[in-house]
Amino acid sequence: MKRFRTDGFGENTSKKFAENLKSEGKMKETTVLYSPQSNEVFERANCTIMEHVRCMLDDDALSKKYWAFALSLTVHLKNRTPTHFMVD
């Protein structure tokens, strides 16, 4: 990871966090609040994960109480699936 992009909402705005990123040679970028278009990679990944969760629940006719488990399983599988990605 070369860049850490956040919406600046507050969860990642501490000076200590910024110093830690800088010490590791990572760049911190802040986008405009409430504009998901500014972070299209994350938003697309989030949409894809949620589509998989909904499909998993619908396909197996599971109730919404299994939503957290389906989400956890989807992310687990996504993190272990080999992919080819471009590094800028």
PDB file of N, CA and C in Angstrom:
ATOM      1  N   MET A   1       0.844  -1.169   0.000  1.00  0.00           N
ATOM      2  CA  MET A   1       0.000   0.000   0.000  1.00  0.00           C
ATOM      3  C   MET A   1       0.890   1.232   0.000  1.00  0.00           C
ATOM      4  N   LYS A   2       0.634   2.100  -0.949  1.00  0.00           N
ATOM      5  CA  LYS A   2       1.403   3.337  -1.033  1.00  0.00           C
ATOM      6  C   LYS A   2       0.614   4.527  -0.525  1.00  0.00           C
ATOM      7  N   ARG A   3      -0.701   4.462  -0.665  1.00  0.00           N
ATOM      8  CA  ARG A   3      -1.564   5.571  -0.268  1.00  0.00           C
ATOM      9  C   ARG A   3      -2.678   5.080   0.633  1.00  0.00           C
ATOM     10  N   PHE A   4      -3.049   5.927   1.577  1.00  0.00           N
ATOM     11  CA  PHE A   4      -4.186   5.651   2.441  1.00  0.00           C
ATOM     12  C   PHE A   4      -5.173   6.775   2.217  1.00  0.00           C
ATOM     13  N   ARG A   5      -6.323   6.458   1.635  1.00  0.00           N
ATOM     14  CA  ARG A   5      -7.320   7.472   1.307  1.00  0.00           C
ATOM     15  C   ARG A   5      -8.493   7.359   2.268  1.00  0.00           C
ATOM     16  N   THR A   6      -8.879   8.480   2.845  1.00  0.00           N
ATOM     17  CA  THR A   6      -9.991   8.523   3.783  1.00  0.00           C
ATOM     18  C   THR A   6     -10.861   9.732   3.478  1.00  0.00           C
ATOM     19  N   ASP A   7     -12.109   9.686   3.948  1.00  0.00           N
ATOM     20  CA  ASP A   7     -13.011  10.819   3.717  1.00  0.00           C
ATOM     21  C   ASP A   7     -12.820  11.922   4.755  1.00  0.00           C
ATOM     22  N   GLY A   8     -11.925  11.739   5.705  1.00  0.00           N
ATOM     23  CA  GLY A   8     -11.654  12.763   6.699  1.00  0.00           C
ATOM     24  C   GLY A   8     -12.757  12.927   7.716  1.00  0.00           C
ATOM     25  N   PHE A   9     -13.616  11.940   7.829  1.00  0.00           N
ATOM     26  CA  PHE A   9     -14.780  12.031   8.707  1.00  0.00           C
ATOM     27  C   PHE A   9     -14.399  12.039  10.176  1.00  0.00           C
ATOM     28  N   GLY A  10     -13.273  11.446  10.532  1.00  0.00           N
ATOM     29  CA  GLY A  10     -12.855  11.525  11.923  1.00  0.00           C
ATOM     30  C   GLY A  10     -12.184  10.282  12.456  1.00  0.00           C
ATOM     31  N   GLU A  11     -12.467   9.133  11.887  1.00  0.00           N
ATOM     32  CA  GLU A  11     -11.915   7.904  12.447  1.00  0.00           C
ATOM     33  C   GLU A  11     -10.420   7.751  12.193  1.00  0.00           C
ATOM     34  N   ASN A  12      -9.885   8.436  11.214  1.00  0.00           N
ATOM     35  CA  ASN A  12      -8.459   8.311  10.888  1.00  0.00           C
ATOM     36  C   ASN A  12      -7.786   9.677  10.797  1.00  0.00           C
ATOM     37  N   THR A  13      -8.117  10.585  11.693  1.00  0.00           N
ATOM     38  CA  THR A  13      -7.595  11.939  11.584  1.00  0.00           C
ATOM     39  C   THR A  13      -6.593  12.312  12.673  1.00  0.00           C
ATOM     40  N   SER A  14      -6.201  11.379  13.506  1.00  0.00           N
ATOM     41  CA  SER A  14      -5.274  11.718  14.582  1.00  0.00           C
ATOM     42  C   SER A  14      -3.874  11.996  14.039  1.00  0.00           C
ATOM     43  N   LYS A  15      -3.153  12.850  14.730  1.00  0.00           N
ATOM     44  CA  LYS A  15      -1.786  13.180  14.316  1.00  0.00           C
ATOM     45  C   LYS A  15      -0.877  11.960  14.435  1.00  0.00           C
ATOM     46  N   LYS A  16      -1.102  11.149  15.470  1.00  0.00           N
ATOM     47  CA  LYS A  16      -0.282   9.955  15.666  1.00  0.00           C
ATOM     48  C   LYS A  16      -0.434   8.995  14.481  1.00  0.00           C
ATOM     49  N   PHE A  17      -1.668   8.833  14.007  1.00  0.00           N
ATOM     50  CA  PHE A  17      -1.920   7.963  12.863  1.00  0.00           C
ATOM     51  C   PHE A  17      -1.214   8.496  11.616  1.00  0.00           C
ATOM     52  N   ALA A  18      -1.305   9.814  11.399  1.00  0.00           N
ATOM     53  CA  ALA A  18      -0.658  10.431  10.237  1.00  0.00           C
ATOM     54  C   ALA A  18       0.863  10.284  10.320  1.00  0.00           C
ATOM     55  N   GLU A  19       1.414  10.446  11.519  1.00  0.00           N
ATOM     56  CA  GLU A  19       2.858  10.288  11.704  1.00  0.00           C
ATOM     57  C   GLU A  19       3.297   8.849  11.432  1.00  0.00           C
ATOM     58  N   ASN A  20       2.471   7.901  11.856  1.00  0.00           N
ATOM     59  CA  ASN A  20       2.775   6.487  11.622  1.00  0.00           C
ATOM     60  C   ASN A  20       2.801   6.189  10.121  1.00  0.00           C
ATOM     61  N   LEU A  21       1.820   6.699   9.385  1.00  0.00           N
ATOM     62  CA  LEU A  21       1.796   6.501   7.932  1.00  0.00           C
ATOM     63  C   LEU A  21       3.034   7.102   7.294  1.00  0.00           C
ATOM     64  N   LYS A  22       3.376   8.317   7.712  1.00  0.00           N
ATOM     65  CA  LYS A  22       4.537   9.006   7.136  1.00  0.00           C
ATOM     66  C   LYS A  22       5.832   8.254   7.422  1.00  0.00           C
ATOM     67  N   SER A  23       5.951   7.728   8.636  1.00  0.00           N
ATOM     68  CA  SER A  23       7.171   6.994   8.995  1.00  0.00           C
ATOM     69  C   SER A  23       7.324   5.708   8.173  1.00  0.00           C
ATOM     70  N   GLU A  24       6.210   5.155   7.709  1.00  0.00           N
ATOM     71  CA  GLU A  24       6.254   3.952   6.881  1.00  0.00           C
ATOM     72  C   GLU A  24       6.326   4.275   5.394  1.00  0.00           C
ATOM     73  N   GLY A  25       6.409   5.573   5.063  1.00  0.00           N
ATOM     74  CA  GLY A  25       6.519   5.980   3.667  1.00  0.00           C
ATOM     75  C   GLY A  25       5.215   5.943   2.905  1.00  0.00           C
ATOM     76  N   LYS A  26       4.107   6.007   3.610  1.00  0.00           N
ATOM     77  CA  LYS A  26       2.793   5.976   2.964  1.00  0.00           C
ATOM     78  C   LYS A  26       2.214   7.388   2.912  1.00  0.00           C
ATOM     79  N   MET A  27       1.490   7.656   1.863  1.00  0.00           N
ATOM     80  CA  MET A  27       0.895   8.963   1.678  1.00  0.00           C
ATOM     81  C   MET A  27      -0.555   8.938   2.150  1.00  0.00           C
ATOM     82  N   LYS A  28      -0.966   9.948   2.898  1.00  0.00           N
ATOM     83  CA  LYS A  28      -2.356  10.039   3.352  1.00  0.00           C
ATOM     84  C   LYS A  28      -3.084  11.051   2.480  1.00  0.00           C
ATOM     85  N   GLU A  29      -4.220  10.626   1.927  1.00  0.00           N
ATOM     86  CA  GLU A  29      -5.043  11.508   1.102  1.00  0.00           C
ATOM     87  C   GLU A  29      -6.414  11.624   1.742  1.00  0.00           C
ATOM     88  N   THR A  30      -6.942  12.830   1.755  1.00  0.00           N
ATOM     89  CA  THR A  30      -8.270  13.069   2.320  1.00  0.00           C
ATOM     90  C   THR A  30      -9.189  13.529   1.198  1.00  0.00           C
ATOM     91  N   THR A  31     -10.335  12.887   1.075  1.00  0.00           N
ATOM     92  CA  THR A  31     -11.311  13.253   0.057  1.00  0.00           C
ATOM     93  C   THR A  31     -12.395  14.116   0.686  1.00  0.00           C
ATOM     94  N   VAL A  32     -13.321  14.568  -0.119  1.00  0.00           N
ATOM     95  CA  VAL A  32     -14.422  15.400   0.347  1.00  0.00           C
ATOM     96  C   VAL A  32     -15.415  14.536   1.123  1.00  0.00           C
ATOM     97  N   LEU A  33     -15.920  15.078   2.241  1.00  0.00           N
ATOM     98  CA  LEU A  33     -16.916  14.350   3.029  1.00  0.00           C
ATOM     99  C   LEU A  33     -18.159  14.038   2.203  1.00  0.00           C
ATOM    100  N   TYR A  34     -18.763  12.900   2.458  1.00  0.00           N
ATOM    101  CA  TYR A  34     -20.028  12.471   1.849  1.00  0.00           C
ATOM    102  C   TYR A  34     -19.971  12.449   0.319  1.00  0.00           C
ATOM    103  N   SER A  35     -18.824  12.104  -0.241  1.00  0.00           N
ATOM    104  CA  SER A  35     -18.737  11.976  -1.696  1.00  0.00           C
ATOM    105  C   SER A  35     -18.068  10.649  -2.027  1.00  0.00           C
ATOM    106  N   PRO A  36     -18.848   9.562  -2.078  1.00  0.00           N
ATOM    107  CA  PRO A  36     -18.267   8.253  -2.360  1.00  0.00           C
ATOM    108  C   PRO A  36     -17.592   8.180  -3.726  1.00  0.00           C
ATOM    109  N   GLN A  37     -17.923   9.097  -4.623  1.00  0.00           N
ATOM    110  CA  GLN A  37     -17.313   9.091  -5.944  1.00  0.00           C
ATOM    111  C   GLN A  37     -15.809   9.355  -5.858  1.00  0.00           C
ATOM    112  N   SER A  38     -15.364   9.971  -4.769  1.00  0.00           N
ATOM    113  CA  SER A  38     -13.943  10.289  -4.611  1.00  0.00           C
ATOM    114  C   SER A  38     -13.100   9.060  -4.328  1.00  0.00           C
ATOM    115  N   ASN A  39     -13.730   8.002  -3.880  1.00  0.00           N
ATOM    116  CA  ASN A  39     -12.986   6.785  -3.562  1.00  0.00           C
ATOM    117  C   ASN A  39     -13.635   5.610  -4.288  1.00  0.00           C
ATOM    118  N   GLU A  40     -13.592   5.664  -5.599  1.00  0.00           N
ATOM    119  CA  GLU A  40     -14.324   4.708  -6.422  1.00  0.00           C
ATOM    120  C   GLU A  40     -13.857   3.268  -6.261  1.00  0.00           C
ATOM    121  N   VAL A  41     -12.582   3.048  -5.968  1.00  0.00           N
ATOM    122  CA  VAL A  41     -12.094   1.670  -5.810  1.00  0.00           C
ATOM    123  C   VAL A  41     -12.748   1.021  -4.599  1.00  0.00           C
ATOM    124  N   PHE A  42     -12.750   1.725  -3.477  1.00  0.00           N
ATOM    125  CA  PHE A  42     -13.367   1.197  -2.275  1.00  0.00           C
ATOM    126  C   PHE A  42     -14.868   1.021  -2.467  1.00  0.00           C
ATOM    127  N   GLU A  43     -15.523   2.013  -3.049  1.00  0.00           N
ATOM    128  CA  GLU A  43     -16.972   1.938  -3.227  1.00  0.00           C
ATOM    129  C   GLU A  43     -17.348   0.756  -4.119  1.00  0.00           C
ATOM    130  N   ARG A  44     -16.594   0.500  -5.171  1.00  0.00           N
ATOM    131  CA  ARG A  44     -16.894  -0.629  -6.048  1.00  0.00           C
ATOM    132  C   ARG A  44     -16.677  -1.946  -5.318  1.00  0.00           C
ATOM    133  N   ALA A  45     -15.586  -2.026  -4.536  1.00  0.00           N
ATOM    134  CA  ALA A  45     -15.334  -3.244  -3.757  1.00  0.00           C
ATOM    135  C   ALA A  45     -16.456  -3.469  -2.756  1.00  0.00           C
ATOM    136  N   ASN A  46     -16.905  -2.398  -2.112  1.00  0.00           N
ATOM    137  CA  ASN A  46     -17.993  -2.503  -1.140  1.00  0.00           C
ATOM    138  C   ASN A  46     -19.282  -2.985  -1.819  1.00  0.00           C
ATOM    139  N   CYS A  47     -19.577  -2.439  -2.991  1.00  0.00           N
ATOM    140  CA  CYS A  47     -20.780  -2.873  -3.731  1.00  0.00           C
ATOM    141  C   CYS A  47     -20.689  -4.349  -4.107  1.00  0.00           C
ATOM    142  N   THR A  48     -19.534  -4.780  -4.569  1.00  0.00           N
ATOM    143  CA  THR A  48     -19.342  -6.174  -4.958  1.00  0.00           C
ATOM    144  C   THR A  48     -19.529  -7.102  -3.765  1.00  0.00           C
ATOM    145  N   ILE A  49     -18.955  -6.736  -2.626  1.00  0.00           N
ATOM    146  CA  ILE A  49     -19.107  -7.565  -1.418  1.00  0.00           C
ATOM    147  C   ILE A  49     -20.567  -7.650  -1.015  1.00  0.00           C
ATOM    148  N   MET A  50     -21.265  -6.529  -1.024  1.00  0.00           N
ATOM    149  CA  MET A  50     -22.678  -6.540  -0.622  1.00  0.00           C
ATOM    150  C   MET A  50     -23.541  -7.336  -1.611  1.00  0.00           C
ATOM    151  N   GLU A  51     -23.202  -7.289  -2.885  1.00  0.00           N
ATOM    152  CA  GLU A  51     -23.931  -8.109  -3.871  1.00  0.00           C
ATOM    153  C   GLU A  51     -23.743  -9.590  -3.570  1.00  0.00           C
ATOM    154  N   HIS A  52     -22.538  -9.979  -3.227  1.00  0.00           N
ATOM    155  CA  HIS A  52     -22.272 -11.382  -2.896  1.00  0.00           C
ATOM    156  C   HIS A  52     -23.044 -11.803  -1.650  1.00  0.00           C
ATOM    157  N   VAL A  53     -23.084 -10.938  -0.659  1.00  0.00           N
ATOM    158  CA  VAL A  53     -23.817 -11.248   0.578  1.00  0.00           C
ATOM    159  C   VAL A  53     -25.295 -11.433   0.271  1.00  0.00           C
ATOM    160  N   ARG A  54     -25.862 -10.490  -0.477  1.00  0.00           N
ATOM    161  CA  ARG A  54     -27.298 -10.605  -0.814  1.00  0.00           C
ATOM    162  C   ARG A  54     -27.582 -11.865  -1.620  1.00  0.00           C
ATOM    163  N   CYS A  55     -26.724 -12.183  -2.575  1.00  0.00           N
ATOM    164  CA  CYS A  55     -26.918 -13.396  -3.380  1.00  0.00           C
ATOM    165  C   CYS A  55     -26.831 -14.646  -2.509  1.00  0.00           C
ATOM    166  N   MET A  56     -25.868 -14.652  -1.590  1.00  0.00           N
ATOM    167  CA  MET A  56     -25.708 -15.811  -0.710  1.00  0.00           C
ATOM    168  C   MET A  56     -26.967 -16.026   0.140  1.00  0.00           C
ATOM    169  N   LEU A  57     -27.493 -14.948   0.690  1.00  0.00           N
ATOM    170  CA  LEU A  57     -28.680 -15.059   1.533  1.00  0.00           C
ATOM    171  C   LEU A  57     -29.909 -15.434   0.708  1.00  0.00           C
ATOM    172  N   ASP A  58     -30.061 -14.815  -0.467  1.00  0.00           N
ATOM    173  CA  ASP A  58     -31.223 -15.101  -1.314  1.00  0.00           C
ATOM    174  C   ASP A  58     -31.188 -16.511  -1.883  1.00  0.00           C
ATOM    175  N   ASP A  59     -30.021 -16.930  -2.359  1.00  0.00           N
ATOM    176  CA  ASP A  59     -29.891 -18.239  -2.990  1.00  0.00           C
ATOM    177  C   ASP A  59     -30.207 -19.372  -2.025  1.00  0.00           C
ATOM    178  N   ASP A  60     -29.786 -19.217  -0.788  1.00  0.00           N
ATOM    179  CA  ASP A  60     -30.025 -20.262   0.204  1.00  0.00           C
ATOM    180  C   ASP A  60     -31.276 -20.012   1.037  1.00  0.00           C
ATOM    181  N   ALA A  61     -32.020 -18.979   0.696  1.00  0.00           N
ATOM    182  CA  ALA A  61     -33.256 -18.607   1.404  1.00  0.00           C
ATOM    183  C   ALA A  61     -33.009 -18.477   2.906  1.00  0.00           C
ATOM    184  N   LEU A  62     -31.918 -17.804   3.248  1.00  0.00           N
ATOM    185  CA  LEU A  62     -31.579 -17.601   4.656  1.00  0.00           C
ATOM    186  C   LEU A  62     -32.184 -16.302   5.169  1.00  0.00           C
ATOM    187  N   SER A  63     -32.486 -16.283   6.455  1.00  0.00           N
ATOM    188  CA  SER A  63     -33.035 -15.060   7.041  1.00  0.00           C
ATOM    189  C   SER A  63     -31.918 -14.043   7.232  1.00  0.00           C
ATOM    190  N   LYS A  64     -32.318 -12.804   7.498  1.00  0.00           N
ATOM    191  CA  LYS A  64     -31.342 -11.728   7.640  1.00  0.00           C
ATOM    192  C   LYS A  64     -30.491 -11.860   8.898  1.00  0.00           C
ATOM    193  N   LYS A  65     -30.850 -12.763   9.784  1.00  0.00           N
ATOM    194  CA  LYS A  65     -30.030 -12.928  10.984  1.00  0.00           C
ATOM    195  C   LYS A  65     -28.661 -13.525  10.641  1.00  0.00           C
ATOM    196  N   TYR A  66     -28.519 -14.089   9.440  1.00  0.00           N
ATOM    197  CA  TYR A  66     -27.239 -14.642   8.990  1.00  0.00           C
ATOM    198  C   TYR A  66     -26.424 -13.643   8.178  1.00  0.00           C
ATOM    199  N   TRP A  67     -26.883 -12.395   8.133  1.00  0.00           N
ATOM    200  CA  TRP A  67     -26.218 -11.380   7.340  1.00  0.00           C
ATOM    201  C   TRP A  67     -24.762 -11.195   7.760  1.00  0.00           C
ATOM    202  N   ALA A  68     -24.489 -11.069   9.051  1.00  0.00           N
ATOM    203  CA  ALA A  68     -23.118 -10.847   9.534  1.00  0.00           C
ATOM    204  C   ALA A  68     -22.212 -12.029   9.173  1.00  0.00           C
ATOM    205  N   PHE A  69     -22.730 -13.238   9.293  1.00  0.00           N
ATOM    206  CA  PHE A  69     -21.937 -14.416   8.942  1.00  0.00           C
ATOM    207  C   PHE A  69     -21.646 -14.436   7.440  1.00  0.00           C
ATOM    208  N   ALA A  70     -22.663 -14.116   6.630  1.00  0.00           N
ATOM    209  CA  ALA A  70     -22.473 -14.089   5.178  1.00  0.00           C
ATOM    210  C   ALA A  70     -21.452 -13.027   4.786  1.00  0.00           C
ATOM    211  N   LEU A  71     -21.495 -11.888   5.442  1.00  0.00           N
ATOM    212  CA  LEU A  71     -20.521 -10.831   5.171  1.00  0.00           C
ATOM    213  C   LEU A  71     -19.114 -11.288   5.540  1.00  0.00           C
ATOM    214  N   SER A  72     -18.973 -11.870   6.713  1.00  0.00           N
ATOM    215  CA  SER A  72     -17.678 -12.353   7.174  1.00  0.00           C
ATOM    216  C   SER A  72     -17.120 -13.411   6.214  1.00  0.00           C
ATOM    217  N   LEU A  73     -17.950 -14.324   5.791  1.00  0.00           N
ATOM    218  CA  LEU A  73     -17.527 -15.376   4.868  1.00  0.00           C
ATOM    219  C   LEU A  73     -17.135 -14.791   3.509  1.00  0.00           C
ATOM    220  N   THR A  74     -17.903 -13.837   3.019  1.00  0.00           N
ATOM    221  CA  THR A  74     -17.602 -13.215   1.736  1.00  0.00           C
ATOM    222  C   THR A  74     -16.250 -12.510   1.763  1.00  0.00           C
ATOM    223  N   VAL A  75     -15.995 -11.745   2.806  1.00  0.00           N
ATOM    224  CA  VAL A  75     -14.719 -11.030   2.921  1.00  0.00           C
ATOM    225  C   VAL A  75     -13.568 -12.025   3.090  1.00  0.00           C
ATOM    226  N   HIS A  76     -13.799 -13.069   3.867  1.00  0.00           N
ATOM    227  CA  HIS A  76     -12.782 -14.109   4.060  1.00  0.00           C
ATOM    228  C   HIS A  76     -12.391 -14.729   2.713  1.00  0.00           C
ATOM    229  N   LEU A  77     -13.400 -15.085   1.912  1.00  0.00           N
ATOM    230  CA  LEU A  77     -13.129 -15.686   0.604  1.00  0.00           C
ATOM    231  C   LEU A  77     -12.466 -14.701  -0.353  1.00  0.00           C
ATOM    232  N   LYS A  78     -12.915 -13.443  -0.323  1.00  0.00           N
ATOM    233  CA  LYS A  78     -12.333 -12.420  -1.193  1.00  0.00           C
ATOM    234  C   LYS A  78     -10.859 -12.200  -0.860  1.00  0.00           C
ATOM    235  N   ASN A  79     -10.519 -12.199   0.419  1.00  0.00           N
ATOM    236  CA  ASN A  79      -9.138 -11.976   0.829  1.00  0.00           C
ATOM    237  C   ASN A  79      -8.220 -13.137   0.477  1.00  0.00           C
ATOM    238  N   ARG A  80      -8.773 -14.299   0.241  1.00  0.00           N
ATOM    239  CA  ARG A  80      -7.963 -15.469  -0.061  1.00  0.00           C
ATOM    240  C   ARG A  80      -8.001 -15.871  -1.530  1.00  0.00           C
ATOM    241  N   THR A  81      -8.699 -15.097  -2.333  1.00  0.00           N
ATOM    242  CA  THR A  81      -8.778 -15.365  -3.758  1.00  0.00           C
ATOM    243  C   THR A  81      -7.649 -14.631  -4.473  1.00  0.00           C
ATOM    244  N   PRO A  82      -6.804 -15.353  -5.190  1.00  0.00           N
ATOM    245  CA  PRO A  82      -5.707 -14.668  -5.888  1.00  0.00           C
ATOM    246  C   PRO A  82      -6.245 -13.765  -6.995  1.00  0.00           C
ATOM    247  N   THR A  83      -5.702 -12.568  -7.061  1.00  0.00           N
ATOM    248  CA  THR A  83      -6.115 -11.615  -8.091  1.00  0.00           C
ATOM    249  C   THR A  83      -4.883 -10.932  -8.665  1.00  0.00           C
ATOM    250  N   HIS A  84      -5.054 -10.381  -9.815  1.00  0.00           N
ATOM    251  CA  HIS A  84      -4.010  -9.580 -10.433  1.00  0.00           C
ATOM    252  C   HIS A  84      -4.448  -8.123 -10.315  1.00  0.00           C
ATOM    253  N   PHE A  85      -3.629  -7.304  -9.740  1.00  0.00           N
ATOM    254  CA  PHE A  85      -3.979  -5.896  -9.611  1.00  0.00           C
ATOM    255  C   PHE A  85      -2.813  -5.030 -10.040  1.00  0.00           C
ATOM    256  N   MET A  86      -3.143  -3.814 -10.420  1.00  0.00           N
ATOM    257  CA  MET A  86      -2.119  -2.876 -10.874  1.00  0.00           C
ATOM    258  C   MET A  86      -1.715  -1.998  -9.705  1.00  0.00           C
ATOM    259  N   VAL A  87      -0.441  -1.770  -9.562  1.00  0.00           N
ATOM    260  CA  VAL A  87       0.071  -0.881  -8.526  1.00  0.00           C
ATOM    261  C   VAL A  87       0.526   0.393  -9.205  1.00  0.00           C
ATOM    262  N   ASP A  88       0.059   1.535  -8.658  1.00  0.00           N
ATOM    263  CA  ASP A  88       0.471   2.791  -9.298  1.00  0.00           C
ATOM    264  C   ASP A  88       1.719   3.366  -8.712  1.00  0.00           C
TER     265      ASP A  88
END
